[in-house]
Amino acid sequence: MRKAKQAVVASAVGLAVLATPLALPNLGGSADSAEAAEVGGDVTVDPVAIGQAIADAAKTADNRSGFVKGAMEKAFFESGQQYNVMVMNLSQGYNSDQLQGVQYFDTVDYDGITYGVWVFEEGTFINEGDGGYDNWAFRGWFERTGDGEKTVNFHRP
């Protein structure tokens, strides 16, 4: 018997902000980076589209790690592949105080577990809890350091 999953996206920035896409200046891409895509104009982060994509990931995932990876990928592509993304199980210890240029943050519940989703420009994120795709996933431009490589230093593309 398949267990029913619930997905709830609760905005941290409020309905008024979510209803209006944010126009952001072009941060440019790096010509020598295989992952950085050059954009010929402004990059627009649409919080509603990101939230809906993450909610869709929660509905279609058969397991936690599939949800976490799906949420990471959807947030990365919905933000134009121009920002770093972190998805973290909020019941684990973490430090996100050094993230800069946060364009989007929201929470999403998957099967009773609340995850935070950040889309941001740069900074350091520290996982003080368990690793693995059940608990966190990230994408962008980064170096991992520290004990168990749980400190992630992100930079701009």
N, C-alpha and C. Protein backbone atom coordinates (compact mmCIF):
# COMPACT_ATOMS: atom_id res chain seq x y z
N MET A 1 0.84 -1.18 0.00
CA MET A 1 0.00 0.00 0.00
C MET A 1 0.89 1.24 0.00
N ARG A 2 0.63 2.15 -0.89
CA ARG A 2 1.43 3.35 -1.00
C ARG A 2 0.95 4.40 -0.01
N LYS A 3 1.88 4.96 0.71
CA LYS A 3 1.55 5.98 1.71
C LYS A 3 1.28 7.31 1.00
N ALA A 4 0.22 7.98 1.38
CA ALA A 4 -0.12 9.27 0.79
C ALA A 4 0.85 10.32 1.28
N LYS A 5 1.24 11.21 0.39
CA LYS A 5 2.16 12.29 0.73
C LYS A 5 1.41 13.61 0.69
N GLN A 6 1.82 14.52 1.53
CA GLN A 6 1.24 15.85 1.52
C GLN A 6 2.33 16.83 1.16
N ALA A 7 2.00 17.81 0.37
CA ALA A 7 2.94 18.86 0.00
C ALA A 7 2.29 20.20 0.29
N VAL A 8 2.96 21.01 1.08
CA VAL A 8 2.45 22.33 1.41
C VAL A 8 3.58 23.32 1.23
N VAL A 9 3.38 24.33 0.43
CA VAL A 9 4.35 25.39 0.27
C VAL A 9 3.80 26.61 0.98
N ALA A 10 4.54 27.09 1.98
CA ALA A 10 4.12 28.25 2.75
C ALA A 10 5.11 29.37 2.49
N SER A 11 4.64 30.49 2.02
CA SER A 11 5.51 31.58 1.65
C SER A 11 6.06 32.29 2.87
N ALA A 12 7.35 32.60 2.79
CA ALA A 12 7.99 33.38 3.84
C ALA A 12 8.00 34.86 3.49
N VAL A 13 7.66 35.21 2.27
CA VAL A 13 7.73 36.60 1.86
C VAL A 13 6.37 37.25 1.67
N GLY A 14 5.33 36.49 1.76
CA GLY A 14 3.99 37.06 1.70
C GLY A 14 3.38 37.01 0.32
N LEU A 15 2.08 36.99 0.28
CA LEU A 15 1.34 36.86 -0.96
C LEU A 15 1.60 38.01 -1.91
N ALA A 16 1.71 39.23 -1.41
CA ALA A 16 1.91 40.37 -2.30
C ALA A 16 3.21 40.25 -3.07
N VAL A 17 4.26 39.81 -2.42
CA VAL A 17 5.54 39.65 -3.09
C VAL A 17 5.49 38.49 -4.06
N LEU A 18 4.85 37.40 -3.66
CA LEU A 18 4.77 36.23 -4.52
C LEU A 18 4.00 36.50 -5.80
N ALA A 19 3.07 37.41 -5.77
CA ALA A 19 2.25 37.68 -6.95
C ALA A 19 2.99 38.52 -7.99
N THR A 20 4.13 39.10 -7.62
CA THR A 20 4.87 39.96 -8.53
C THR A 20 6.25 39.37 -8.79
N PRO A 21 6.56 38.99 -10.05
CA PRO A 21 7.90 38.50 -10.36
C PRO A 21 8.94 39.59 -10.10
N LEU A 22 10.12 39.20 -9.68
CA LEU A 22 11.19 40.13 -9.39
C LEU A 22 12.09 40.27 -10.60
N ALA A 23 12.32 41.49 -11.08
CA ALA A 23 13.26 41.72 -12.17
C ALA A 23 14.61 42.00 -11.55
N LEU A 24 15.61 41.24 -11.94
CA LEU A 24 16.94 41.36 -11.36
C LEU A 24 17.94 41.76 -12.43
N PRO A 25 18.98 42.48 -12.06
CA PRO A 25 19.99 42.84 -13.06
C PRO A 25 20.73 41.60 -13.53
N ASN A 26 21.24 41.68 -14.75
CA ASN A 26 22.03 40.59 -15.31
C ASN A 26 23.34 40.50 -14.54
N LEU A 27 23.60 39.35 -13.92
CA LEU A 27 24.83 39.16 -13.17
C LEU A 27 25.93 38.66 -14.07
N GLY A 28 25.60 38.32 -15.31
CA GLY A 28 26.59 37.86 -16.27
C GLY A 28 27.00 36.44 -16.01
N GLY A 29 27.63 35.87 -16.97
CA GLY A 29 28.12 34.50 -16.85
C GLY A 29 29.61 34.48 -17.02
N SER A 30 30.21 33.39 -16.70
CA SER A 30 31.65 33.23 -16.84
C SER A 30 31.92 32.44 -18.11
N ALA A 31 32.72 33.00 -19.01
CA ALA A 31 32.98 32.34 -20.29
C ALA A 31 33.75 31.05 -20.11
N ASP A 32 34.50 30.91 -19.00
CA ASP A 32 35.29 29.69 -18.82
C ASP A 32 34.60 28.66 -17.93
N SER A 33 33.36 28.85 -17.61
CA SER A 33 32.63 27.89 -16.79
C SER A 33 31.67 27.09 -17.66
N ALA A 34 31.73 25.78 -17.53
CA ALA A 34 30.87 24.92 -18.34
C ALA A 34 29.42 25.03 -17.90
N GLU A 35 29.17 25.38 -16.64
CA GLU A 35 27.80 25.42 -16.14
C GLU A 35 27.15 26.79 -16.29
N ALA A 36 27.95 27.85 -16.35
CA ALA A 36 27.37 29.19 -16.38
C ALA A 36 26.87 29.52 -17.78
N ALA A 37 25.62 29.92 -17.86
CA ALA A 37 25.04 30.30 -19.14
C ALA A 37 24.99 31.82 -19.22
N GLU A 38 25.44 32.38 -20.32
CA GLU A 38 25.40 33.82 -20.52
C GLU A 38 23.96 34.22 -20.83
N VAL A 39 23.50 35.27 -20.20
CA VAL A 39 22.14 35.73 -20.40
C VAL A 39 22.21 37.10 -21.03
N GLY A 40 21.42 37.32 -22.07
CA GLY A 40 21.49 38.57 -22.80
C GLY A 40 20.49 39.60 -22.31
N GLY A 41 20.21 39.68 -21.06
CA GLY A 41 19.27 40.65 -20.51
C GLY A 41 19.12 40.44 -19.03
N ASP A 42 18.02 40.94 -18.50
CA ASP A 42 17.76 40.76 -17.08
C ASP A 42 17.30 39.33 -16.79
N VAL A 43 17.71 38.83 -15.64
CA VAL A 43 17.25 37.53 -15.17
C VAL A 43 16.07 37.78 -14.25
N THR A 44 14.97 37.13 -14.52
CA THR A 44 13.78 37.30 -13.70
C THR A 44 13.56 36.06 -12.86
N VAL A 45 13.46 36.24 -11.55
CA VAL A 45 13.15 35.13 -10.65
C VAL A 45 11.67 35.25 -10.33
N ASP A 46 10.91 34.25 -10.71
CA ASP A 46 9.47 34.24 -10.47
C ASP A 46 9.18 33.35 -9.28
N PRO A 47 8.97 33.93 -8.09
CA PRO A 47 8.74 33.13 -6.89
C PRO A 47 7.55 32.18 -7.02
N VAL A 48 6.51 32.59 -7.72
CA VAL A 48 5.34 31.73 -7.88
C VAL A 48 5.71 30.49 -8.68
N ALA A 49 6.46 30.68 -9.76
CA ALA A 49 6.87 29.54 -10.60
C ALA A 49 7.78 28.59 -9.83
N ILE A 50 8.71 29.14 -9.04
CA ILE A 50 9.60 28.30 -8.25
C ILE A 50 8.78 27.50 -7.23
N GLY A 51 7.90 28.18 -6.51
CA GLY A 51 7.07 27.50 -5.51
C GLY A 51 6.22 26.41 -6.12
N GLN A 52 5.62 26.68 -7.27
CA GLN A 52 4.78 25.67 -7.92
C GLN A 52 5.62 24.49 -8.40
N ALA A 53 6.81 24.76 -8.94
CA ALA A 53 7.68 23.67 -9.40
C ALA A 53 8.10 22.78 -8.24
N ILE A 54 8.38 23.38 -7.09
CA ILE A 54 8.78 22.59 -5.92
C ILE A 54 7.59 21.79 -5.39
N ALA A 55 6.41 22.40 -5.37
CA ALA A 55 5.21 21.67 -4.95
C ALA A 55 4.96 20.48 -5.87
N ASP A 56 5.18 20.68 -7.17
CA ASP A 56 5.03 19.58 -8.13
C ASP A 56 6.04 18.47 -7.85
N ALA A 57 7.27 18.85 -7.48
CA ALA A 57 8.28 17.84 -7.16
C ALA A 57 7.84 17.00 -5.96
N ALA A 58 7.23 17.65 -4.98
CA ALA A 58 6.76 16.92 -3.79
C ALA A 58 5.65 15.95 -4.15
N LYS A 59 4.79 16.33 -5.06
CA LYS A 59 3.66 15.48 -5.45
C LYS A 59 4.10 14.26 -6.26
N THR A 60 5.17 14.41 -7.03
CA THR A 60 5.56 13.33 -7.94
C THR A 60 6.68 12.45 -7.41
N ALA A 61 7.35 12.83 -6.35
CA ALA A 61 8.48 12.04 -5.83
C ALA A 61 7.97 10.82 -5.07
N ASP A 62 8.64 9.70 -5.28
CA ASP A 62 8.28 8.46 -4.57
C ASP A 62 9.05 8.28 -3.27
N ASN A 63 10.10 9.09 -3.06
CA ASN A 63 10.90 8.96 -1.85
C ASN A 63 11.54 10.30 -1.51
N ARG A 64 12.06 10.41 -0.29
CA ARG A 64 12.63 11.68 0.17
C ARG A 64 13.77 12.16 -0.69
N SER A 65 14.72 11.27 -0.99
CA SER A 65 15.87 11.73 -1.77
C SER A 65 15.44 12.18 -3.16
N GLY A 66 14.46 11.51 -3.73
CA GLY A 66 13.93 11.94 -5.03
C GLY A 66 13.29 13.31 -4.95
N PHE A 67 12.56 13.56 -3.85
CA PHE A 67 11.96 14.88 -3.66
C PHE A 67 13.04 15.95 -3.52
N VAL A 68 14.05 15.70 -2.66
CA VAL A 68 15.08 16.71 -2.39
C VAL A 68 15.83 17.05 -3.68
N LYS A 69 16.23 16.04 -4.43
CA LYS A 69 16.94 16.30 -5.69
C LYS A 69 16.03 16.99 -6.71
N GLY A 70 14.76 16.57 -6.76
CA GLY A 70 13.82 17.21 -7.68
C GLY A 70 13.58 18.67 -7.34
N ALA A 71 13.43 18.98 -6.06
CA ALA A 71 13.23 20.36 -5.64
C ALA A 71 14.44 21.21 -5.99
N MET A 72 15.65 20.65 -5.78
CA MET A 72 16.87 21.37 -6.12
C MET A 72 16.92 21.69 -7.61
N GLU A 73 16.68 20.69 -8.45
CA GLU A 73 16.75 20.89 -9.90
C GLU A 73 15.69 21.87 -10.38
N LYS A 74 14.48 21.74 -9.87
CA LYS A 74 13.40 22.63 -10.30
C LYS A 74 13.69 24.08 -9.90
N ALA A 75 14.19 24.30 -8.69
CA ALA A 75 14.52 25.66 -8.26
C ALA A 75 15.65 26.23 -9.10
N PHE A 76 16.65 25.40 -9.43
CA PHE A 76 17.78 25.87 -10.23
C PHE A 76 17.32 26.30 -11.62
N PHE A 77 16.52 25.48 -12.27
CA PHE A 77 16.09 25.80 -13.63
C PHE A 77 15.03 26.90 -13.66
N GLU A 78 14.15 26.96 -12.67
CA GLU A 78 13.15 28.03 -12.62
C GLU A 78 13.79 29.39 -12.33
N SER A 79 14.98 29.40 -11.75
CA SER A 79 15.67 30.67 -11.49
C SER A 79 16.66 31.00 -12.60
N GLY A 80 16.50 30.39 -13.75
CA GLY A 80 17.30 30.74 -14.92
C GLY A 80 18.71 30.20 -14.94
N GLN A 81 19.03 29.24 -14.09
CA GLN A 81 20.36 28.64 -14.02
C GLN A 81 21.44 29.70 -13.76
N GLN A 82 21.08 30.77 -13.06
CA GLN A 82 22.01 31.87 -12.80
C GLN A 82 22.26 32.09 -11.31
N TYR A 83 21.67 31.24 -10.46
CA TYR A 83 21.81 31.39 -9.02
C TYR A 83 22.15 30.05 -8.39
N ASN A 84 22.70 30.11 -7.21
CA ASN A 84 22.95 28.91 -6.41
C ASN A 84 21.65 28.51 -5.71
N VAL A 85 21.52 27.21 -5.44
CA VAL A 85 20.32 26.69 -4.80
C VAL A 85 20.72 25.74 -3.68
N MET A 86 20.02 25.84 -2.55
CA MET A 86 20.20 24.92 -1.43
C MET A 86 18.83 24.44 -0.98
N VAL A 87 18.71 23.12 -0.78
CA VAL A 87 17.51 22.51 -0.19
C VAL A 87 17.99 21.79 1.06
N MET A 88 17.37 22.08 2.21
CA MET A 88 17.84 21.52 3.48
C MET A 88 16.68 21.11 4.36
N ASN A 89 16.80 19.92 4.97
CA ASN A 89 15.86 19.44 5.98
C ASN A 89 16.00 20.36 7.20
N LEU A 90 14.97 21.11 7.52
CA LEU A 90 15.07 22.11 8.59
C LEU A 90 15.07 21.51 9.98
N SER A 91 14.81 20.21 10.11
CA SER A 91 14.90 19.59 11.44
C SER A 91 16.35 19.24 11.78
N GLN A 92 17.24 19.36 10.82
CA GLN A 92 18.68 19.15 11.03
C GLN A 92 19.31 20.49 11.39
N GLY A 93 20.45 20.45 12.06
CA GLY A 93 21.17 21.68 12.35
C GLY A 93 21.81 22.24 11.09
N TYR A 94 21.78 23.56 10.96
CA TYR A 94 22.40 24.20 9.80
C TYR A 94 22.67 25.66 10.12
N ASN A 95 23.51 26.30 9.29
CA ASN A 95 23.78 27.72 9.42
C ASN A 95 23.71 28.33 8.03
N SER A 96 22.73 29.19 7.82
CA SER A 96 22.57 29.87 6.53
C SER A 96 22.81 31.37 6.66
N ASP A 97 23.35 31.82 7.79
CA ASP A 97 23.51 33.24 8.07
C ASP A 97 24.42 33.97 7.08
N GLN A 98 25.32 33.24 6.42
CA GLN A 98 26.29 33.89 5.54
C GLN A 98 25.86 33.91 4.07
N LEU A 99 24.63 33.47 3.78
CA LEU A 99 24.15 33.53 2.40
C LEU A 99 23.85 34.98 2.04
N GLN A 100 24.26 35.40 0.85
CA GLN A 100 24.08 36.78 0.41
C GLN A 100 23.27 36.81 -0.88
N GLY A 101 22.51 37.86 -1.05
CA GLY A 101 21.73 38.02 -2.27
C GLY A 101 20.64 36.98 -2.41
N VAL A 102 19.95 36.69 -1.31
CA VAL A 102 18.88 35.69 -1.36
C VAL A 102 17.74 36.24 -2.21
N GLN A 103 17.42 35.53 -3.28
CA GLN A 103 16.36 35.92 -4.20
C GLN A 103 15.04 35.25 -3.86
N TYR A 104 15.13 34.12 -3.17
CA TYR A 104 13.93 33.34 -2.86
C TYR A 104 14.22 32.45 -1.66
N PHE A 105 13.27 32.39 -0.75
CA PHE A 105 13.28 31.38 0.30
C PHE A 105 11.84 30.98 0.57
N ASP A 106 11.64 29.70 0.75
CA ASP A 106 10.33 29.19 1.13
C ASP A 106 10.53 27.85 1.79
N THR A 107 9.47 27.37 2.41
CA THR A 107 9.50 26.04 3.00
C THR A 107 8.51 25.16 2.27
N VAL A 108 8.81 23.87 2.26
CA VAL A 108 7.92 22.89 1.66
C VAL A 108 7.94 21.65 2.53
N ASP A 109 6.77 21.08 2.77
CA ASP A 109 6.66 19.86 3.57
C ASP A 109 6.57 18.66 2.64
N TYR A 110 7.39 17.66 2.92
CA TYR A 110 7.32 16.40 2.19
C TYR A 110 7.14 15.28 3.20
N ASP A 111 6.00 14.65 3.19
CA ASP A 111 5.73 13.50 4.05
C ASP A 111 6.00 13.83 5.53
N GLY A 112 5.60 15.04 5.95
CA GLY A 112 5.74 15.45 7.34
C GLY A 112 7.07 16.07 7.70
N ILE A 113 7.97 16.23 6.75
CA ILE A 113 9.29 16.82 7.00
C ILE A 113 9.35 18.16 6.28
N THR A 114 9.76 19.21 7.00
CA THR A 114 9.83 20.54 6.42
C THR A 114 11.24 20.81 5.90
N TYR A 115 11.30 21.24 4.64
CA TYR A 115 12.56 21.59 3.98
C TYR A 115 12.55 23.07 3.67
N GLY A 116 13.73 23.69 3.75
CA GLY A 116 13.91 25.06 3.30
C GLY A 116 14.53 25.04 1.92
N VAL A 117 14.12 25.98 1.08
CA VAL A 117 14.68 26.11 -0.26
C VAL A 117 15.16 27.55 -0.43
N TRP A 118 16.45 27.71 -0.68
CA TRP A 118 17.06 29.02 -0.89
C TRP A 118 17.54 29.12 -2.33
N VAL A 119 17.34 30.28 -2.95
CA VAL A 119 17.93 30.64 -4.24
C VAL A 119 18.69 31.93 -3.96
N PHE A 120 20.00 31.95 -4.22
CA PHE A 120 20.83 33.06 -3.75
C PHE A 120 22.06 33.25 -4.64
N GLU A 121 22.75 34.36 -4.42
CA GLU A 121 23.90 34.71 -5.24
C GLU A 121 25.19 34.04 -4.76
N GLU A 122 25.50 34.17 -3.47
CA GLU A 122 26.76 33.64 -2.97
C GLU A 122 26.71 33.51 -1.45
N GLY A 123 27.77 32.92 -0.88
CA GLY A 123 27.86 32.80 0.57
C GLY A 123 28.21 31.40 1.01
N THR A 124 28.17 31.19 2.32
CA THR A 124 28.54 29.91 2.91
C THR A 124 27.34 29.30 3.62
N PHE A 125 27.16 28.00 3.40
CA PHE A 125 26.10 27.24 4.07
C PHE A 125 26.77 26.08 4.78
N ILE A 126 26.41 25.87 6.06
CA ILE A 126 27.00 24.79 6.85
C ILE A 126 25.90 23.83 7.29
N ASN A 127 26.07 22.56 6.94
CA ASN A 127 25.16 21.50 7.38
C ASN A 127 25.73 20.95 8.69
N GLU A 128 25.02 21.17 9.78
CA GLU A 128 25.46 20.69 11.10
C GLU A 128 24.81 19.37 11.47
N GLY A 129 24.01 18.81 10.57
CA GLY A 129 23.30 17.57 10.83
C GLY A 129 23.77 16.46 9.91
N ASP A 130 22.85 15.56 9.59
CA ASP A 130 23.15 14.44 8.71
C ASP A 130 23.20 14.90 7.27
N GLY A 131 24.04 14.22 6.50
CA GLY A 131 24.14 14.51 5.07
C GLY A 131 23.23 13.59 4.28
N GLY A 132 23.55 13.44 3.03
CA GLY A 132 22.79 12.56 2.15
C GLY A 132 21.61 13.28 1.53
N TYR A 133 21.17 12.76 0.40
CA TYR A 133 20.07 13.39 -0.34
C TYR A 133 18.74 13.36 0.40
N ASP A 134 18.61 12.55 1.45
CA ASP A 134 17.38 12.62 2.25
C ASP A 134 17.29 13.95 2.99
N ASN A 135 18.44 14.59 3.23
CA ASN A 135 18.48 15.78 4.07
C ASN A 135 18.90 17.06 3.37
N TRP A 136 19.69 16.96 2.31
CA TRP A 136 20.09 18.19 1.64
C TRP A 136 20.56 17.91 0.23
N ALA A 137 20.49 18.95 -0.59
CA ALA A 137 21.02 18.92 -1.95
C ALA A 137 21.25 20.37 -2.36
N PHE A 138 22.24 20.59 -3.22
CA PHE A 138 22.55 21.94 -3.65
C PHE A 138 23.12 21.90 -5.06
N ARG A 139 23.00 23.04 -5.73
CA ARG A 139 23.51 23.15 -7.09
C ARG A 139 23.94 24.58 -7.34
N GLY A 140 24.96 24.73 -8.14
CA GLY A 140 25.46 26.05 -8.49
C GLY A 140 26.97 26.00 -8.62
N TRP A 141 27.61 27.01 -8.10
CA TRP A 141 29.05 27.18 -8.22
C TRP A 141 29.62 27.22 -6.80
N PHE A 142 30.40 26.19 -6.43
CA PHE A 142 30.77 26.03 -5.03
C PHE A 142 32.03 25.19 -4.86
N GLU A 143 32.58 25.25 -3.64
CA GLU A 143 33.63 24.36 -3.15
C GLU A 143 33.16 23.84 -1.80
N ARG A 144 33.41 22.56 -1.55
CA ARG A 144 33.05 21.95 -0.26
C ARG A 144 34.31 21.83 0.59
N THR A 145 34.18 22.15 1.88
CA THR A 145 35.30 22.07 2.81
C THR A 145 34.80 21.54 4.15
N GLY A 146 35.72 21.47 5.10
CA GLY A 146 35.35 21.13 6.47
C GLY A 146 35.17 19.65 6.71
N ASP A 147 34.83 19.34 7.95
CA ASP A 147 34.62 17.97 8.39
C ASP A 147 33.46 17.35 7.62
N GLY A 148 33.73 16.28 6.89
CA GLY A 148 32.69 15.63 6.10
C GLY A 148 32.23 16.45 4.91
N GLU A 149 32.98 17.48 4.56
CA GLU A 149 32.64 18.40 3.47
C GLU A 149 31.23 18.96 3.61
N LYS A 150 30.86 19.30 4.85
CA LYS A 150 29.52 19.83 5.11
C LYS A 150 29.47 21.36 5.11
N THR A 151 30.60 22.00 4.83
CA THR A 151 30.62 23.44 4.63
C THR A 151 30.72 23.68 3.13
N VAL A 152 29.79 24.45 2.60
CA VAL A 152 29.75 24.71 1.17
C VAL A 152 29.89 26.21 0.94
N ASN A 153 30.96 26.58 0.23
CA ASN A 153 31.23 27.98 -0.10
C ASN A 153 30.78 28.22 -1.54
N PHE A 154 29.73 29.01 -1.69
CA PHE A 154 29.16 29.29 -3.00
C PHE A 154 29.69 30.62 -3.53
N HIS A 155 29.85 30.72 -4.83
CA HIS A 155 30.22 31.98 -5.46
C HIS A 155 29.32 32.21 -6.66
N ARG A 156 29.42 33.40 -7.22
CA ARG A 156 28.60 33.74 -8.39
C ARG A 156 29.16 33.04 -9.62
N PRO A 157 28.28 32.79 -10.60
CA PRO A 157 28.77 32.16 -11.84
C PRO A 157 29.71 33.06 -12.61
